[in-house]
Amino acid sequence: MDSALRFLASSQDDVVAAWQLRESGWSWGKIKHHVRSRGWRRLHRGVFLLTSSAPTRKQLWWGAALTRPESFLSYGSGGACYGFHSFDPGFEVITRPGHGGCRRYRGVLVYRSTTLADEVTRFDDIPITTAARVLVDLAAAGLDDRRLGRAFRESIRLKRTTAARVGHCARRHVHAPGASRLAALATRYGQVPYHRTRSDAEGRSLELLNDAGAERAEVNVTIAGEEADLVFRGRKEIIEIDGPQFHRFPDEDERKRRIWEEAGFRVRRIGSGEVYALTPEELVRRLELS
């Protein structure tokens, strides 16, 4: 295999672009020969998958980002790549430098922006807008409050960004639709330790406690040798946020409850689904924290 092709294939999950090969000295004739003789699969115009198997989601992200130089995965595709937003409409979204609105080219939706400076990076080596910029763009695209709040929490829990960076980016794009909503989240919950949580339900429960003005909990700390979700050490209380796994491992949860109670802690449990249905005041009453 040609050294240029070998390098691109190994670093881009077997996805290559004709413009990259041209920059490496390939002629159009050589590219067309390889497409025909090697059975390369066309992902987009001038972008090829070198294997015959169905493309993975990561290969689709690569394909979109390689449609032209200076193309960056963004919006829903960026959020999905980072892992904090669900997005799979059958096409990918990228942003390129320039003016004008968005335009759809078969399997890729292209936005243009004059404000990409300092807001692009690589994640898993794929060219992509920063996580904070992805959130700003999702807000501008009309993501509702519930999904925007979840994306904001998850982006910090997964350590893709910080509240401070999100707030800075939102203020930088203050005139973008939805930027004020995002800036408000970053300000209101800037001190919430999402990065210590194990689930979005835990993050949302911390927001509710913050809004209720309740005592701040320690998050996922070890008590008597076992990790607890939320700990109010002064009150000697532990709150467990029960996800679906609670019903699969009841014996393990009961074992930990006994250990914590023997250590002098009262243990309360709340289902993860309830967290999203309760107001801050209702959660405090439910957990008897008032």
Foldseek 3Di string as FASTA:
>chain_A
DDPQQVVCCVLQVQKDFQVSVVVVPDDPVVVVCCCVPQVWDDLAVRMTRSDPDDDDLSNLLSRQLVPDPQKAFAAQRQLVLLPQADDDPQATEIEHEDDDAWDDDVRYIYGYDPPQVVQWDADSHGTHGQLLRRLLVNQLVPDDPVSSLSSVLVCVLSPSDALVVNLVVLVVPVVRHRSVVSNCCSVQCRPQNSVQADDSLLVLLQSLCSVVVFDHWDAQDDDLRHTAGTADPVVLETEHADEPCCVVCVVVVVVVCVSSVVVPHHYHYDYSVVSVVDHSVRVCVVVVRD
